[in-house]
């Protein structure tokens, strides 16, 4: 088990690097599980499940592939440990004119930018996915 300063960036990098793999394993945390839930809800991955067979729990992500490449074209980490980025409900950016999705950590949980606008809530802007 490695000591990471930014586990969310590690999660996003593992997803980005697995463009042609059908499955990948990621060390478990509640935040990573919520990010995987958002990616599944938005249709970027096929499925995810918690794998507790080993000594440490892991998230098993099933990548959604089209023509043997991932549906995810790009992932960008926005708020970093050295420079946090917070947005209000009226400042939530659109990704690629609405074609992508922004992921926020709000007082109501980890949600997409569209849901945050509907609920009129702001928070920490974690990542963009397109």
C-alpha atoms as a PDB file:
ATOM      1  CA  UNK A   1       0.000   0.000   0.000  1.00  0.00           C
ATOM      2  CA  UNK A   2       1.550   3.256  -1.078  1.00  0.00           C
ATOM      3  CA  UNK A   3       1.226   6.578   0.669  1.00  0.00           C
ATOM      4  CA  UNK A   4      -0.378   9.025  -1.770  1.00  0.00           C
ATOM      5  CA  UNK A   5      -0.712  12.752  -1.303  1.00  0.00           C
ATOM      6  CA  UNK A   6      -3.613  12.938  -3.790  1.00  0.00           C
ATOM      7  CA  UNK A   7      -5.661   9.711  -4.017  1.00  0.00           C
ATOM      8  CA  UNK A   8      -8.291  11.310  -6.287  1.00  0.00           C
ATOM      9  CA  UNK A   9      -5.630  12.193  -8.875  1.00  0.00           C
ATOM     10  CA  UNK A  10      -4.338   8.610  -8.598  1.00  0.00           C
ATOM     11  CA  UNK A  11      -7.866   7.282  -9.271  1.00  0.00           C
ATOM     12  CA  UNK A  12      -8.317   9.547 -12.301  1.00  0.00           C
ATOM     13  CA  UNK A  13      -4.861   8.659 -13.656  1.00  0.00           C
ATOM     14  CA  UNK A  14      -5.552   4.933 -13.363  1.00  0.00           C
ATOM     15  CA  UNK A  15      -8.823   5.399 -15.293  1.00  0.00           C
ATOM     16  CA  UNK A  16      -7.045   7.536 -17.923  1.00  0.00           C
ATOM     17  CA  UNK A  17      -4.207   5.001 -18.354  1.00  0.00           C
ATOM     18  CA  UNK A  18      -6.588   2.031 -18.745  1.00  0.00           C
ATOM     19  CA  UNK A  19      -7.979   3.234 -22.069  1.00  0.00           C
ATOM     20  CA  UNK A  20      -7.773  -0.181 -23.742  1.00  0.00           C
ATOM     21  CA  UNK A  21      -8.279  -2.451 -20.737  1.00  0.00           C
ATOM     22  CA  UNK A  22     -11.692  -3.869 -19.959  1.00  0.00           C
ATOM     23  CA  UNK A  23     -11.161  -4.050 -16.175  1.00  0.00           C
ATOM     24  CA  UNK A  24      -8.931  -2.380 -13.626  1.00  0.00           C
ATOM     25  CA  UNK A  25      -8.452  -2.525  -9.865  1.00  0.00           C
ATOM     26  CA  UNK A  26      -8.169   0.618  -7.742  1.00  0.00           C
ATOM     27  CA  UNK A  27      -7.537   0.812  -3.972  1.00  0.00           C
ATOM     28  CA  UNK A  28     -10.819   1.513  -2.153  1.00  0.00           C
ATOM     29  CA  UNK A  29     -11.889   4.700  -0.424  1.00  0.00           C
ATOM     30  CA  UNK A  30     -15.339   6.242  -0.002  1.00  0.00           C
ATOM     31  CA  UNK A  31     -14.432   9.188  -2.250  1.00  0.00           C
ATOM     32  CA  UNK A  32     -13.151   6.914  -5.037  1.00  0.00           C
ATOM     33  CA  UNK A  33     -16.291   4.810  -4.737  1.00  0.00           C
ATOM     34  CA  UNK A  34     -18.433   7.935  -5.136  1.00  0.00           C
ATOM     35  CA  UNK A  35     -16.406   9.032  -8.166  1.00  0.00           C
ATOM     36  CA  UNK A  36     -16.925   5.585  -9.719  1.00  0.00           C
ATOM     37  CA  UNK A  37     -20.672   5.883  -8.989  1.00  0.00           C
ATOM     38  CA  UNK A  38     -20.785   9.234 -10.839  1.00  0.00           C
ATOM     39  CA  UNK A  39     -18.842   7.801 -13.803  1.00  0.00           C
ATOM     40  CA  UNK A  40     -21.286   4.882 -14.033  1.00  0.00           C
ATOM     41  CA  UNK A  41     -24.323   7.152 -13.651  1.00  0.00           C
ATOM     42  CA  UNK A  42     -23.082   9.365 -16.498  1.00  0.00           C
ATOM     43  CA  UNK A  43     -22.279   6.375 -18.738  1.00  0.00           C
ATOM     44  CA  UNK A  44     -18.479   6.648 -18.789  1.00  0.00           C
ATOM     45  CA  UNK A  45     -17.913   3.195 -17.273  1.00  0.00           C
ATOM     46  CA  UNK A  46     -20.005   0.031 -17.519  1.00  0.00           C
ATOM     47  CA  UNK A  47     -19.908  -1.013 -13.868  1.00  0.00           C
ATOM     48  CA  UNK A  48     -17.930  -0.995 -10.638  1.00  0.00           C
ATOM     49  CA  UNK A  49     -17.977  -3.228  -7.583  1.00  0.00           C
ATOM     50  CA  UNK A  50     -16.179  -3.559  -4.261  1.00  0.00           C
ATOM     51  CA  UNK A  51     -13.700  -6.467  -4.188  1.00  0.00           C
ATOM     52  CA  UNK A  52     -12.847  -7.559  -0.632  1.00  0.00           C
ATOM     53  CA  UNK A  53     -11.105 -10.866  -1.437  1.00  0.00           C
ATOM     54  CA  UNK A  54      -7.566  -9.529  -0.881  1.00  0.00           C
ATOM     55  CA  UNK A  55      -5.956  -8.045   2.226  1.00  0.00           C
ATOM     56  CA  UNK A  56      -7.110  -4.543   1.237  1.00  0.00           C
ATOM     57  CA  UNK A  57     -10.474  -3.712  -0.352  1.00  0.00           C
ATOM     58  CA  UNK A  58     -10.346  -2.630  -3.989  1.00  0.00           C
ATOM     59  CA  UNK A  59     -12.784  -1.168  -6.495  1.00  0.00           C
ATOM     60  CA  UNK A  60     -13.107  -3.283  -9.633  1.00  0.00           C
ATOM     61  CA  UNK A  61     -14.011  -0.944 -12.508  1.00  0.00           C
ATOM     62  CA  UNK A  62     -15.349  -2.343 -15.779  1.00  0.00           C
ATOM     63  CA  UNK A  63     -14.383   0.087 -18.509  1.00  0.00           C
ATOM     64  CA  UNK A  64     -16.877   0.927 -21.262  1.00  0.00           C
ATOM     65  CA  UNK A  65     -15.136   0.214 -24.558  1.00  0.00           C
ATOM     66  CA  UNK A  66     -16.133   1.295 -28.069  1.00  0.00           C
ATOM     67  CA  UNK A  67     -13.898   0.018 -30.903  1.00  0.00           C
ATOM     68  CA  UNK A  68     -11.457  -1.280 -28.255  1.00  0.00           C
ATOM     69  CA  UNK A  69     -10.889   2.158 -26.705  1.00  0.00           C
ATOM     70  CA  UNK A  70     -12.456   3.780 -23.676  1.00  0.00           C
ATOM     71  CA  UNK A  71     -15.491   6.037 -23.928  1.00  0.00           C
ATOM     72  CA  UNK A  72     -13.603   8.510 -21.718  1.00  0.00           C
ATOM     73  CA  UNK A  73     -11.668  10.847 -23.991  1.00  0.00           C
ATOM     74  CA  UNK A  74     -10.236  12.999 -21.211  1.00  0.00           C
ATOM     75  CA  UNK A  75     -10.166  13.461 -17.458  1.00  0.00           C
ATOM     76  CA  UNK A  76      -8.757  16.541 -15.755  1.00  0.00           C
ATOM     77  CA  UNK A  77      -8.208  17.062 -12.026  1.00  0.00           C
ATOM     78  CA  UNK A  78      -9.166  20.634 -11.087  1.00  0.00           C
ATOM     79  CA  UNK A  79      -8.944  21.082  -7.310  1.00  0.00           C
ATOM     80  CA  UNK A  80      -5.557  19.897  -6.064  1.00  0.00           C
ATOM     81  CA  UNK A  81      -4.168  19.571  -2.537  1.00  0.00           C
ATOM     82  CA  UNK A  82      -1.897  22.590  -3.103  1.00  0.00           C
ATOM     83  CA  UNK A  83      -4.617  24.765  -4.639  1.00  0.00           C
ATOM     84  CA  UNK A  84      -8.240  24.009  -3.840  1.00  0.00           C
ATOM     85  CA  UNK A  85     -10.890  25.293  -6.249  1.00  0.00           C
ATOM     86  CA  UNK A  86     -14.344  26.101  -4.873  1.00  0.00           C
ATOM     87  CA  UNK A  87     -17.312  27.319  -6.897  1.00  0.00           C
ATOM     88  CA  UNK A  88     -20.715  28.666  -5.994  1.00  0.00           C
ATOM     89  CA  UNK A  89     -23.943  27.348  -7.480  1.00  0.00           C
ATOM     90  CA  UNK A  90     -23.994  30.102 -10.118  1.00  0.00           C
ATOM     91  CA  UNK A  91     -20.300  29.627 -11.045  1.00  0.00           C
ATOM     92  CA  UNK A  92     -20.360  25.917 -11.945  1.00  0.00           C
ATOM     93  CA  UNK A  93     -18.666  25.590 -15.354  1.00  0.00           C
ATOM     94  CA  UNK A  94     -19.977  23.616 -18.316  1.00  0.00           C
ATOM     95  CA  UNK A  95     -17.542  21.098 -19.798  1.00  0.00           C
ATOM     96  CA  UNK A  96     -17.256  21.142 -23.602  1.00  0.00           C
ATOM     97  CA  UNK A  97     -20.520  23.064 -23.942  1.00  0.00           C
ATOM     98  CA  UNK A  98     -22.448  20.465 -21.950  1.00  0.00           C
ATOM     99  CA  UNK A  99     -20.934  17.376 -23.620  1.00  0.00           C
ATOM    100  CA  UNK A 100     -18.742  16.582 -20.613  1.00  0.00           C
ATOM    101  CA  UNK A 101     -19.438  16.541 -16.895  1.00  0.00           C
ATOM    102  CA  UNK A 102     -17.970  18.375 -13.916  1.00  0.00           C
ATOM    103  CA  UNK A 103     -17.775  16.544 -10.582  1.00  0.00           C
ATOM    104  CA  UNK A 104     -18.200  18.434  -7.322  1.00  0.00           C
ATOM    105  CA  UNK A 105     -17.893  17.562  -3.657  1.00  0.00           C
ATOM    106  CA  UNK A 106     -20.742  19.393  -1.936  1.00  0.00           C
ATOM    107  CA  UNK A 107     -22.381  19.322   1.491  1.00  0.00           C
ATOM    108  CA  UNK A 108     -24.963  16.998  -0.129  1.00  0.00           C
ATOM    109  CA  UNK A 109     -22.322  14.521  -1.318  1.00  0.00           C
ATOM    110  CA  UNK A 110     -20.334  14.017  -4.509  1.00  0.00           C
ATOM    111  CA  UNK A 111     -22.559  15.080  -7.413  1.00  0.00           C
ATOM    112  CA  UNK A 112     -22.313  16.302 -10.997  1.00  0.00           C
ATOM    113  CA  UNK A 113     -22.387  19.952 -11.967  1.00  0.00           C
ATOM    114  CA  UNK A 114     -25.887  19.611 -13.439  1.00  0.00           C
ATOM    115  CA  UNK A 115     -27.265  18.160 -10.188  1.00  0.00           C
ATOM    116  CA  UNK A 116     -25.511  20.883  -8.174  1.00  0.00           C
ATOM    117  CA  UNK A 117     -27.141  23.588 -10.321  1.00  0.00           C
ATOM    118  CA  UNK A 118     -30.562  21.957  -9.862  1.00  0.00           C
ATOM    119  CA  UNK A 119     -30.058  21.769  -6.091  1.00  0.00           C
ATOM    120  CA  UNK A 120     -28.558  25.301  -6.046  1.00  0.00           C
ATOM    121  CA  UNK A 121     -25.475  24.179  -4.133  1.00  0.00           C
ATOM    122  CA  UNK A 122     -21.769  24.842  -4.672  1.00  0.00           C
ATOM    123  CA  UNK A 123     -18.655  23.065  -3.454  1.00  0.00           C
ATOM    124  CA  UNK A 124     -15.186  21.864  -4.332  1.00  0.00           C
ATOM    125  CA  UNK A 125     -14.703  21.340  -8.070  1.00  0.00           C
ATOM    126  CA  UNK A 126     -12.950  17.954  -8.201  1.00  0.00           C
ATOM    127  CA  UNK A 127     -12.650  17.047 -11.880  1.00  0.00           C
ATOM    128  CA  UNK A 128     -13.854  17.348 -15.461  1.00  0.00           C
ATOM    129  CA  UNK A 129     -14.668  14.251 -17.528  1.00  0.00           C
ATOM    130  CA  UNK A 130     -15.411  14.213 -21.251  1.00  0.00           C
END
